[in-house]
Amino acid sequence: MAEIRFSGFGGQGIVRCGLITGKALSLFDKKNATMTQSFGPEARGSACSSQLVVSEDRVLYPYITKPGVLISMSQEAYDKFTPELARGGTLLYDEDLAKPTNNFGKTIKVYSIPATRYAEELGGKIVANIIMLGFFSSISELIQPGAMEKAVQSSTPKAYADLNIQAFRRGYESGLNTIKKKK
């Protein structure tokens, strides 16, 4: 079983990340996944998260207890959710929007990507979440990249299909390069 939390602020597509990942796991990777979400009353610009519980078997409890993976796309989310990360867990964060304030030592695997900067290079911040999904897919190895690509294509506007796939692949390749460098 895996517990995953996507976090950031409203308007970054954090809930969509959970939906796309859940769809990739359930429909295309044949795993079981449940998603919950939370966001502040202000919606856009306030704290936001989506949580997934993933299992080969039926998911009996849909809420995360101690996430093994935390994806953080804002400083507020980083500060709020890193203390909840399981020992031995994996932290992924947008290095332009969050700065590490913890020294995890060897208890947590930490990876960063300039997702927002890459999104701007591709044409707009709107795909930073999709870049992060690609990065997450390659670092975590929880989801087959083909399954995630199918979920991205079927969960985002058709007019932006090429841009979203380009963003996913940019994040995925960045993750593969990051893994190579850490070895």
N, C-alpha and C. Protein backbone atom coordinates (compact mmCIF):
# COMPACT_ATOMS: atom_id res chain seq x y z
N MET A 1 0.84 -1.17 0.00
CA MET A 1 0.00 0.00 0.00
C MET A 1 0.89 1.25 0.00
N ALA A 2 0.43 2.28 -0.69
CA ALA A 2 1.16 3.55 -0.74
C ALA A 2 0.19 4.68 -0.40
N GLU A 3 0.72 5.66 0.32
CA GLU A 3 -0.05 6.87 0.64
C GLU A 3 0.69 8.06 0.05
N ILE A 4 -0.03 8.86 -0.74
CA ILE A 4 0.57 9.97 -1.48
C ILE A 4 -0.21 11.24 -1.17
N ARG A 5 0.52 12.33 -0.92
CA ARG A 5 -0.13 13.64 -0.75
C ARG A 5 0.46 14.61 -1.75
N PHE A 6 -0.42 15.23 -2.56
CA PHE A 6 -0.07 16.34 -3.43
C PHE A 6 -0.45 17.59 -2.67
N SER A 7 0.42 18.60 -2.63
CA SER A 7 0.09 19.80 -1.88
C SER A 7 0.63 21.04 -2.57
N GLY A 8 -0.05 22.15 -2.33
CA GLY A 8 0.34 23.43 -2.91
C GLY A 8 -0.70 24.45 -2.55
N PHE A 9 -1.02 25.32 -3.47
CA PHE A 9 -2.09 26.28 -3.23
C PHE A 9 -3.12 26.18 -4.34
N GLY A 10 -4.33 26.61 -4.02
CA GLY A 10 -5.43 26.55 -4.97
C GLY A 10 -5.08 27.26 -6.27
N GLY A 11 -5.42 26.66 -7.38
CA GLY A 11 -5.12 27.22 -8.68
C GLY A 11 -3.94 26.57 -9.36
N GLN A 12 -3.19 25.73 -8.63
CA GLN A 12 -2.03 25.05 -9.21
C GLN A 12 -2.39 23.70 -9.82
N GLY A 13 -3.62 23.26 -9.67
CA GLY A 13 -4.00 21.96 -10.21
C GLY A 13 -3.64 20.81 -9.28
N ILE A 14 -3.62 21.06 -7.99
CA ILE A 14 -3.25 20.04 -7.00
C ILE A 14 -4.29 18.93 -6.96
N VAL A 15 -5.56 19.30 -6.94
CA VAL A 15 -6.63 18.30 -6.93
C VAL A 15 -6.60 17.52 -8.24
N ARG A 16 -6.36 18.21 -9.34
CA ARG A 16 -6.28 17.52 -10.64
C ARG A 16 -5.14 16.50 -10.63
N CYS A 17 -4.03 16.81 -9.96
CA CYS A 17 -2.92 15.84 -9.85
C CYS A 17 -3.42 14.55 -9.21
N GLY A 18 -4.17 14.68 -8.12
CA GLY A 18 -4.73 13.50 -7.46
C GLY A 18 -5.67 12.74 -8.35
N LEU A 19 -6.53 13.46 -9.07
CA LEU A 19 -7.49 12.82 -9.98
C LEU A 19 -6.78 12.07 -11.11
N ILE A 20 -5.80 12.73 -11.71
CA ILE A 20 -5.07 12.10 -12.82
C ILE A 20 -4.30 10.87 -12.33
N THR A 21 -3.64 10.99 -11.20
CA THR A 21 -2.87 9.86 -10.67
C THR A 21 -3.80 8.71 -10.29
N GLY A 22 -4.92 9.03 -9.65
CA GLY A 22 -5.89 7.99 -9.31
C GLY A 22 -6.42 7.29 -10.55
N LYS A 23 -6.71 8.07 -11.58
CA LYS A 23 -7.20 7.50 -12.84
C LYS A 23 -6.13 6.61 -13.47
N ALA A 24 -4.89 7.08 -13.48
CA ALA A 24 -3.80 6.28 -14.06
C ALA A 24 -3.66 4.95 -13.33
N LEU A 25 -3.72 5.01 -12.02
CA LEU A 25 -3.57 3.79 -11.22
C LEU A 25 -4.76 2.85 -11.39
N SER A 26 -5.96 3.39 -11.31
CA SER A 26 -7.17 2.56 -11.33
C SER A 26 -7.51 2.02 -12.71
N LEU A 27 -7.52 2.89 -13.71
CA LEU A 27 -7.96 2.47 -15.03
C LEU A 27 -6.88 1.85 -15.89
N PHE A 28 -5.68 2.38 -15.80
CA PHE A 28 -4.63 1.97 -16.72
C PHE A 28 -3.55 1.10 -16.09
N ASP A 29 -3.40 1.15 -14.77
CA ASP A 29 -2.39 0.35 -14.09
C ASP A 29 -3.02 -0.78 -13.27
N LYS A 30 -4.34 -0.83 -13.27
CA LYS A 30 -5.13 -1.90 -12.62
C LYS A 30 -4.83 -2.05 -11.13
N LYS A 31 -4.65 -0.90 -10.45
CA LYS A 31 -4.50 -0.90 -9.00
C LYS A 31 -5.73 -0.26 -8.40
N ASN A 32 -5.86 -0.32 -7.12
CA ASN A 32 -6.98 0.31 -6.42
C ASN A 32 -6.49 1.61 -5.81
N ALA A 33 -7.29 2.67 -5.96
CA ALA A 33 -6.90 3.97 -5.42
C ALA A 33 -8.14 4.74 -4.97
N THR A 34 -8.01 5.44 -3.86
CA THR A 34 -9.05 6.36 -3.41
C THR A 34 -8.42 7.72 -3.22
N MET A 35 -9.20 8.77 -3.46
CA MET A 35 -8.68 10.12 -3.32
C MET A 35 -9.58 10.94 -2.41
N THR A 36 -8.94 11.74 -1.56
CA THR A 36 -9.64 12.76 -0.79
C THR A 36 -8.94 14.07 -1.06
N GLN A 37 -9.61 15.17 -0.76
CA GLN A 37 -9.03 16.48 -1.02
C GLN A 37 -9.39 17.45 0.08
N SER A 38 -8.58 18.48 0.22
CA SER A 38 -8.90 19.55 1.17
C SER A 38 -8.33 20.85 0.65
N PHE A 39 -9.05 21.93 0.90
CA PHE A 39 -8.60 23.25 0.50
C PHE A 39 -9.28 24.29 1.36
N GLY A 40 -8.63 25.44 1.47
CA GLY A 40 -9.18 26.53 2.29
C GLY A 40 -10.42 27.13 1.66
N PRO A 41 -11.19 27.88 2.43
CA PRO A 41 -12.42 28.46 1.92
C PRO A 41 -12.19 29.50 0.82
N GLU A 42 -10.99 30.04 0.75
CA GLU A 42 -10.70 31.03 -0.28
C GLU A 42 -10.46 30.38 -1.63
N ALA A 43 -10.24 29.06 -1.65
CA ALA A 43 -9.97 28.28 -2.86
C ALA A 43 -8.69 28.74 -3.56
N ARG A 44 -8.77 29.55 -4.58
CA ARG A 44 -7.57 29.95 -5.33
C ARG A 44 -6.62 30.74 -4.44
N GLY A 45 -5.39 30.24 -4.33
CA GLY A 45 -4.37 30.93 -3.56
C GLY A 45 -4.20 30.45 -2.13
N SER A 46 -5.13 29.66 -1.63
CA SER A 46 -5.00 29.16 -0.26
C SER A 46 -4.46 27.73 -0.28
N ALA A 47 -4.15 27.22 0.89
CA ALA A 47 -3.60 25.86 1.01
C ALA A 47 -4.54 24.85 0.39
N CYS A 48 -3.97 23.86 -0.25
CA CYS A 48 -4.75 22.86 -0.97
C CYS A 48 -3.97 21.54 -0.97
N SER A 49 -4.68 20.43 -0.84
CA SER A 49 -4.01 19.13 -0.97
C SER A 49 -4.99 18.09 -1.48
N SER A 50 -4.44 17.08 -2.08
CA SER A 50 -5.22 15.90 -2.45
C SER A 50 -4.40 14.69 -2.02
N GLN A 51 -5.09 13.70 -1.52
CA GLN A 51 -4.44 12.53 -0.96
C GLN A 51 -4.92 11.27 -1.66
N LEU A 52 -4.01 10.37 -1.91
CA LEU A 52 -4.35 9.09 -2.53
C LEU A 52 -3.86 7.95 -1.65
N VAL A 53 -4.71 6.95 -1.52
CA VAL A 53 -4.31 5.69 -0.92
C VAL A 53 -4.35 4.68 -2.07
N VAL A 54 -3.24 3.98 -2.28
CA VAL A 54 -3.09 3.07 -3.40
C VAL A 54 -2.77 1.68 -2.87
N SER A 55 -3.41 0.67 -3.46
CA SER A 55 -3.17 -0.69 -3.01
C SER A 55 -3.41 -1.68 -4.14
N GLU A 56 -2.73 -2.81 -4.06
CA GLU A 56 -3.01 -3.90 -4.99
C GLU A 56 -4.37 -4.52 -4.65
N ASP A 57 -4.73 -4.47 -3.37
CA ASP A 57 -6.00 -4.99 -2.90
C ASP A 57 -7.00 -3.85 -2.76
N ARG A 58 -8.19 -4.19 -2.37
CA ARG A 58 -9.24 -3.20 -2.15
C ARG A 58 -8.81 -2.24 -1.03
N VAL A 59 -9.07 -0.96 -1.22
CA VAL A 59 -8.73 0.05 -0.21
C VAL A 59 -9.88 0.09 0.79
N LEU A 60 -9.58 -0.24 2.06
CA LEU A 60 -10.61 -0.30 3.08
C LEU A 60 -10.74 0.99 3.86
N TYR A 61 -9.67 1.79 3.93
CA TYR A 61 -9.70 3.06 4.64
C TYR A 61 -9.17 4.13 3.68
N PRO A 62 -10.00 5.08 3.26
CA PRO A 62 -9.61 5.99 2.18
C PRO A 62 -8.74 7.18 2.58
N TYR A 63 -8.41 7.32 3.85
CA TYR A 63 -7.66 8.48 4.30
C TYR A 63 -6.21 8.11 4.59
N ILE A 64 -5.30 9.01 4.24
CA ILE A 64 -3.90 8.73 4.53
C ILE A 64 -3.64 8.93 6.02
N THR A 65 -2.72 8.14 6.53
CA THR A 65 -2.34 8.28 7.94
C THR A 65 -0.93 8.84 8.06
N LYS A 66 -0.04 8.37 7.24
CA LYS A 66 1.35 8.81 7.23
C LYS A 66 1.86 8.68 5.80
N PRO A 67 1.78 9.74 5.00
CA PRO A 67 2.14 9.60 3.58
C PRO A 67 3.58 9.15 3.38
N GLY A 68 3.75 8.25 2.45
CA GLY A 68 5.08 7.79 2.07
C GLY A 68 5.68 8.67 0.99
N VAL A 69 4.81 9.42 0.30
CA VAL A 69 5.25 10.35 -0.73
C VAL A 69 4.54 11.68 -0.51
N LEU A 70 5.30 12.76 -0.51
CA LEU A 70 4.75 14.10 -0.41
C LEU A 70 5.27 14.91 -1.59
N ILE A 71 4.34 15.48 -2.36
CA ILE A 71 4.67 16.38 -3.44
C ILE A 71 4.24 17.77 -2.99
N SER A 72 5.18 18.70 -2.94
CA SER A 72 4.88 20.04 -2.43
C SER A 72 5.21 21.10 -3.48
N MET A 73 4.20 21.92 -3.79
CA MET A 73 4.38 22.95 -4.80
C MET A 73 4.24 24.37 -4.24
N SER A 74 4.38 24.52 -2.91
CA SER A 74 4.40 25.85 -2.30
C SER A 74 5.10 25.75 -0.95
N GLN A 75 5.60 26.88 -0.47
CA GLN A 75 6.26 26.89 0.83
C GLN A 75 5.29 26.55 1.95
N GLU A 76 4.09 27.12 1.88
CA GLU A 76 3.10 26.85 2.92
C GLU A 76 2.80 25.35 3.01
N ALA A 77 2.64 24.70 1.87
CA ALA A 77 2.37 23.26 1.86
C ALA A 77 3.57 22.48 2.38
N TYR A 78 4.77 22.89 1.96
CA TYR A 78 5.99 22.25 2.45
C TYR A 78 6.04 22.31 3.98
N ASP A 79 5.86 23.51 4.53
CA ASP A 79 5.94 23.70 5.98
C ASP A 79 4.86 22.93 6.71
N LYS A 80 3.67 22.88 6.15
CA LYS A 80 2.54 22.23 6.81
C LYS A 80 2.62 20.70 6.77
N PHE A 81 3.06 20.14 5.65
CA PHE A 81 2.93 18.69 5.47
C PHE A 81 4.21 17.88 5.64
N THR A 82 5.39 18.49 5.57
CA THR A 82 6.61 17.67 5.73
C THR A 82 6.68 16.97 7.08
N PRO A 83 6.19 17.54 8.18
CA PRO A 83 6.26 16.81 9.45
C PRO A 83 5.44 15.51 9.45
N GLU A 84 4.47 15.40 8.55
CA GLU A 84 3.63 14.21 8.48
C GLU A 84 4.24 13.08 7.65
N LEU A 85 5.29 13.38 6.90
CA LEU A 85 5.90 12.40 6.00
C LEU A 85 6.48 11.23 6.77
N ALA A 86 6.19 10.03 6.30
CA ALA A 86 6.66 8.81 6.96
C ALA A 86 8.19 8.71 6.90
N ARG A 87 8.76 8.15 7.94
CA ARG A 87 10.20 7.88 7.96
C ARG A 87 10.51 6.96 6.78
N GLY A 88 11.54 7.29 6.03
CA GLY A 88 11.88 6.53 4.83
C GLY A 88 11.08 6.97 3.62
N GLY A 89 10.25 8.00 3.79
CA GLY A 89 9.40 8.48 2.71
C GLY A 89 10.17 9.29 1.67
N THR A 90 9.43 9.77 0.70
CA THR A 90 10.00 10.53 -0.40
C THR A 90 9.33 11.89 -0.48
N LEU A 91 10.13 12.94 -0.54
CA LEU A 91 9.65 14.31 -0.67
C LEU A 91 10.08 14.84 -2.03
N LEU A 92 9.11 15.35 -2.80
CA LEU A 92 9.38 16.01 -4.06
C LEU A 92 8.84 17.42 -3.94
N TYR A 93 9.61 18.42 -4.36
CA TYR A 93 9.12 19.78 -4.25
C TYR A 93 9.58 20.64 -5.42
N ASP A 94 8.80 21.69 -5.68
CA ASP A 94 9.15 22.67 -6.71
C ASP A 94 10.19 23.60 -6.11
N GLU A 95 11.41 23.51 -6.57
CA GLU A 95 12.52 24.24 -5.95
C GLU A 95 12.43 25.76 -6.10
N ASP A 96 11.59 26.25 -6.99
CA ASP A 96 11.42 27.70 -7.12
C ASP A 96 10.33 28.23 -6.19
N LEU A 97 9.49 27.35 -5.66
CA LEU A 97 8.37 27.79 -4.82
C LEU A 97 8.48 27.33 -3.38
N ALA A 98 9.39 26.43 -3.09
CA ALA A 98 9.58 25.96 -1.71
C ALA A 98 11.07 25.81 -1.45
N LYS A 99 11.47 26.20 -0.28
CA LYS A 99 12.87 26.07 0.14
C LYS A 99 12.92 25.18 1.36
N PRO A 100 13.80 24.18 1.35
CA PRO A 100 13.87 23.26 2.49
C PRO A 100 14.16 23.98 3.80
N THR A 101 13.40 23.63 4.81
CA THR A 101 13.61 24.18 6.14
C THR A 101 13.93 23.06 7.14
N ASN A 102 13.95 21.84 6.66
CA ASN A 102 14.23 20.68 7.51
C ASN A 102 15.52 20.03 7.06
N ASN A 103 16.23 19.43 8.00
CA ASN A 103 17.38 18.60 7.67
C ASN A 103 16.96 17.16 7.97
N PHE A 104 16.57 16.44 6.95
CA PHE A 104 16.05 15.10 7.14
C PHE A 104 17.13 14.06 7.31
N GLY A 105 18.36 14.41 6.97
CA GLY A 105 19.43 13.42 7.03
C GLY A 105 19.12 12.29 6.06
N LYS A 106 19.24 11.07 6.55
CA LYS A 106 18.98 9.91 5.70
C LYS A 106 17.58 9.33 5.94
N THR A 107 16.75 10.02 6.71
CA THR A 107 15.43 9.48 7.03
C THR A 107 14.41 9.70 5.92
N ILE A 108 14.67 10.66 5.04
CA ILE A 108 13.75 10.99 3.95
C ILE A 108 14.56 11.14 2.67
N LYS A 109 14.00 10.64 1.55
CA LYS A 109 14.62 10.87 0.24
C LYS A 109 14.03 12.17 -0.30
N VAL A 110 14.89 13.12 -0.66
CA VAL A 110 14.43 14.43 -1.09
C VAL A 110 14.87 14.70 -2.53
N TYR A 111 13.91 15.13 -3.35
CA TYR A 111 14.15 15.45 -4.76
C TYR A 111 13.47 16.77 -5.09
N SER A 112 14.14 17.58 -5.91
CA SER A 112 13.52 18.84 -6.30
C SER A 112 13.59 19.02 -7.82
N ILE A 113 12.67 19.83 -8.31
CA ILE A 113 12.59 20.14 -9.74
C ILE A 113 12.08 21.58 -9.86
N PRO A 114 12.59 22.34 -10.82
CA PRO A 114 12.03 23.67 -11.05
C PRO A 114 10.80 23.58 -11.95
N ALA A 115 9.75 22.96 -11.45
CA ALA A 115 8.56 22.66 -12.26
C ALA A 115 7.93 23.92 -12.85
N THR A 116 7.81 24.96 -12.04
CA THR A 116 7.19 26.19 -12.54
C THR A 116 8.05 26.84 -13.61
N ARG A 117 9.35 26.84 -13.41
CA ARG A 117 10.26 27.41 -14.42
C ARG A 117 10.18 26.62 -15.72
N TYR A 118 10.18 25.29 -15.62
CA TYR A 118 10.05 24.47 -16.83
C TYR A 118 8.72 24.74 -17.53
N ALA A 119 7.66 24.91 -16.75
CA ALA A 119 6.34 25.19 -17.33
C ALA A 119 6.36 26.52 -18.08
N GLU A 120 7.00 27.52 -17.51
CA GLU A 120 7.11 28.82 -18.18
C GLU A 120 7.89 28.69 -19.48
N GLU A 121 8.92 27.86 -19.48
CA GLU A 121 9.71 27.63 -20.69
C GLU A 121 8.86 26.97 -21.77
N LEU A 122 7.91 26.13 -21.35
CA LEU A 122 7.04 25.45 -22.32
C LEU A 122 5.87 26.34 -22.78
N GLY A 123 5.65 27.44 -22.07
CA GLY A 123 4.60 28.33 -22.52
C GLY A 123 3.60 28.78 -21.47
N GLY A 124 3.65 28.25 -20.26
CA GLY A 124 2.73 28.72 -19.24
C GLY A 124 2.79 27.94 -17.95
N LYS A 125 2.64 28.66 -16.84
CA LYS A 125 2.68 28.04 -15.51
C LYS A 125 1.61 26.98 -15.32
N ILE A 126 0.60 27.02 -16.15
CA ILE A 126 -0.57 26.14 -16.01
C ILE A 126 -0.19 24.66 -16.05
N VAL A 127 0.94 24.31 -16.65
CA VAL A 127 1.33 22.90 -16.75
C VAL A 127 2.39 22.50 -15.72
N ALA A 128 2.66 23.34 -14.74
CA ALA A 128 3.65 22.99 -13.71
C ALA A 128 3.23 21.72 -12.97
N ASN A 129 1.93 21.56 -12.73
CA ASN A 129 1.46 20.36 -12.04
C ASN A 129 1.70 19.11 -12.89
N ILE A 130 1.56 19.21 -14.19
CA ILE A 130 1.78 18.06 -15.07
C ILE A 130 3.27 17.71 -15.13
N ILE A 131 4.11 18.73 -15.12
CA ILE A 131 5.57 18.49 -15.03
C ILE A 131 5.86 17.74 -13.74
N MET A 132 5.24 18.18 -12.66
CA MET A 132 5.45 17.51 -11.37
C MET A 132 4.95 16.06 -11.41
N LEU A 133 3.86 15.80 -12.11
CA LEU A 133 3.37 14.42 -12.25
C LEU A 133 4.40 13.55 -12.99
N GLY A 134 5.02 14.10 -14.02
CA GLY A 134 6.06 13.35 -14.73
C GLY A 134 7.23 13.06 -13.82
N PHE A 135 7.66 14.07 -13.07
CA PHE A 135 8.77 13.92 -12.13
C PHE A 135 8.44 12.86 -11.08
N PHE A 136 7.25 12.97 -10.51
CA PHE A 136 6.77 12.00 -9.52
C PHE A 136 6.76 10.58 -10.10
N SER A 137 6.28 10.45 -11.33
CA SER A 137 6.19 9.12 -11.96
C SER A 137 7.55 8.46 -12.10
N SER A 138 8.56 9.22 -12.50
CA SER A 138 9.88 8.62 -12.67
C SER A 138 10.59 8.38 -11.35
N ILE A 139 10.44 9.29 -10.40
CA ILE A 139 11.12 9.13 -9.11
C ILE A 139 10.49 8.00 -8.30
N SER A 140 9.17 7.97 -8.22
CA SER A 140 8.49 7.01 -7.34
C SER A 140 8.41 5.61 -7.92
N GLU A 141 8.34 5.48 -9.22
CA GLU A 141 8.16 4.20 -9.91
C GLU A 141 6.89 3.47 -9.46
N LEU A 142 5.90 4.22 -8.96
CA LEU A 142 4.63 3.62 -8.53
C LEU A 142 3.67 3.41 -9.69
N ILE A 143 3.88 4.15 -10.77
CA ILE A 143 2.95 4.17 -11.89
C ILE A 143 3.73 3.99 -13.19
N GLN A 144 3.19 3.21 -14.08
CA GLN A 144 3.80 3.06 -15.40
C GLN A 144 3.66 4.39 -16.15
N PRO A 145 4.72 4.87 -16.79
CA PRO A 145 4.62 6.16 -17.48
C PRO A 145 3.53 6.19 -18.56
N GLY A 146 3.33 5.08 -19.23
CA GLY A 146 2.27 5.01 -20.25
C GLY A 146 0.89 5.18 -19.65
N ALA A 147 0.69 4.62 -18.47
CA ALA A 147 -0.60 4.77 -17.78
C ALA A 147 -0.83 6.23 -17.40
N MET A 148 0.21 6.89 -16.91
CA MET A 148 0.08 8.29 -16.52
C MET A 148 -0.16 9.16 -17.75
N GLU A 149 0.53 8.89 -18.84
CA GLU A 149 0.31 9.68 -20.06
C GLU A 149 -1.13 9.55 -20.54
N LYS A 150 -1.67 8.34 -20.53
CA LYS A 150 -3.07 8.14 -20.93
C LYS A 150 -4.01 8.92 -20.02
N ALA A 151 -3.74 8.90 -18.73
CA ALA A 151 -4.58 9.62 -17.78
C ALA A 151 -4.48 11.13 -17.99
N VAL A 152 -3.28 11.62 -18.28
CA VAL A 152 -3.10 13.05 -18.55
C VAL A 152 -3.90 13.44 -19.80
N GLN A 153 -3.77 12.65 -20.85
CA GLN A 153 -4.48 12.95 -22.10
C GLN A 153 -5.99 12.95 -21.91
N SER A 154 -6.50 12.03 -21.13
CA SER A 154 -7.95 11.92 -20.98
C SER A 154 -8.51 12.81 -19.87
N SER A 155 -7.65 13.53 -19.15
CA SER A 155 -8.10 14.35 -18.02
C SER A 155 -7.83 15.84 -18.18
N THR A 156 -7.29 16.23 -19.30
CA THR A 156 -6.98 17.63 -19.53
C THR A 156 -7.64 18.08 -20.83
N PRO A 157 -7.85 19.38 -21.01
CA PRO A 157 -8.53 19.87 -22.22
C PRO A 157 -7.82 19.44 -23.50
N LYS A 158 -8.60 19.01 -24.47
CA LYS A 158 -8.05 18.54 -25.76
C LYS A 158 -7.18 19.61 -26.44
N ALA A 159 -7.57 20.86 -26.29
CA ALA A 159 -6.82 21.95 -26.92
C ALA A 159 -5.39 22.04 -26.41
N TYR A 160 -5.14 21.48 -25.21
CA TYR A 160 -3.81 21.55 -24.62
C TYR A 160 -3.15 20.17 -24.49
N ALA A 161 -3.66 19.21 -25.23
CA ALA A 161 -3.16 17.84 -25.14
C ALA A 161 -1.66 17.75 -25.41
N ASP A 162 -1.20 18.37 -26.50
CA ASP A 162 0.22 18.30 -26.84
C ASP A 162 1.09 18.96 -25.77
N LEU A 163 0.65 20.11 -25.29
CA LEU A 163 1.40 20.82 -24.26
C LEU A 163 1.48 19.99 -22.98
N ASN A 164 0.37 19.36 -22.59
CA ASN A 164 0.37 18.55 -21.37
C ASN A 164 1.27 17.33 -21.50
N ILE A 165 1.26 16.68 -22.64
CA ILE A 165 2.14 15.52 -22.83
C ILE A 165 3.60 15.97 -22.86
N GLN A 166 3.85 17.08 -23.50
CA GLN A 166 5.21 17.64 -23.51
C GLN A 166 5.66 17.95 -22.08
N ALA A 167 4.77 18.52 -21.28
CA ALA A 167 5.08 18.84 -19.88
C ALA A 167 5.34 17.57 -19.08
N PHE A 168 4.48 16.57 -19.25
CA PHE A 168 4.67 15.31 -18.53
C PHE A 168 6.04 14.71 -18.87
N ARG A 169 6.36 14.67 -20.13
CA ARG A 169 7.64 14.07 -20.56
C ARG A 169 8.84 14.88 -20.06
N ARG A 170 8.69 16.19 -19.99
CA ARG A 170 9.78 17.03 -19.46
C ARG A 170 10.04 16.68 -18.00
N GLY A 171 8.97 16.55 -17.22
CA GLY A 171 9.11 16.18 -15.82
C GLY A 171 9.66 14.77 -15.65
N TYR A 172 9.17 13.86 -16.48
CA TYR A 172 9.61 12.46 -16.40
C TYR A 172 11.11 12.36 -16.69
N GLU A 173 11.55 13.00 -17.76
CA GLU A 173 12.97 12.98 -18.12
C GLU A 173 13.83 13.63 -17.04
N SER A 174 13.34 14.71 -16.47
CA SER A 174 14.07 15.37 -15.38
C SER A 174 14.23 14.42 -14.20
N GLY A 175 13.19 13.66 -13.91
CA GLY A 175 13.27 12.67 -12.83
C GLY A 175 14.29 11.59 -13.12
N LEU A 176 14.29 11.08 -14.35
CA LEU A 176 15.27 10.06 -14.73
C LEU A 176 16.70 10.60 -14.59
N ASN A 177 16.90 11.84 -15.02
CA ASN A 177 18.24 12.45 -14.89
C ASN A 177 18.62 12.66 -13.44
N THR A 178 17.66 13.01 -12.61
CA THR A 178 17.92 13.20 -11.18
C THR A 178 18.33 11.88 -10.53
N ILE A 179 17.65 10.81 -10.88
CA ILE A 179 17.98 9.48 -10.35
C ILE A 179 19.40 9.08 -10.76
N LYS A 180 19.75 9.31 -12.01
CA LYS A 180 21.09 8.97 -12.50
C LYS A 180 22.15 9.73 -11.70
N LYS A 181 21.92 11.00 -11.44
CA LYS A 181 22.89 11.83 -10.71
C LYS A 181 23.07 11.36 -9.27
N LYS A 182 22.00 10.84 -8.67
CA LYS A 182 22.07 10.41 -7.25
C LYS A 182 22.77 9.07 -7.10
N LYS A 183 22.92 8.33 -8.18
CA LYS A 183 23.54 6.99 -8.07
C LYS A 183 25.03 7.08 -8.00
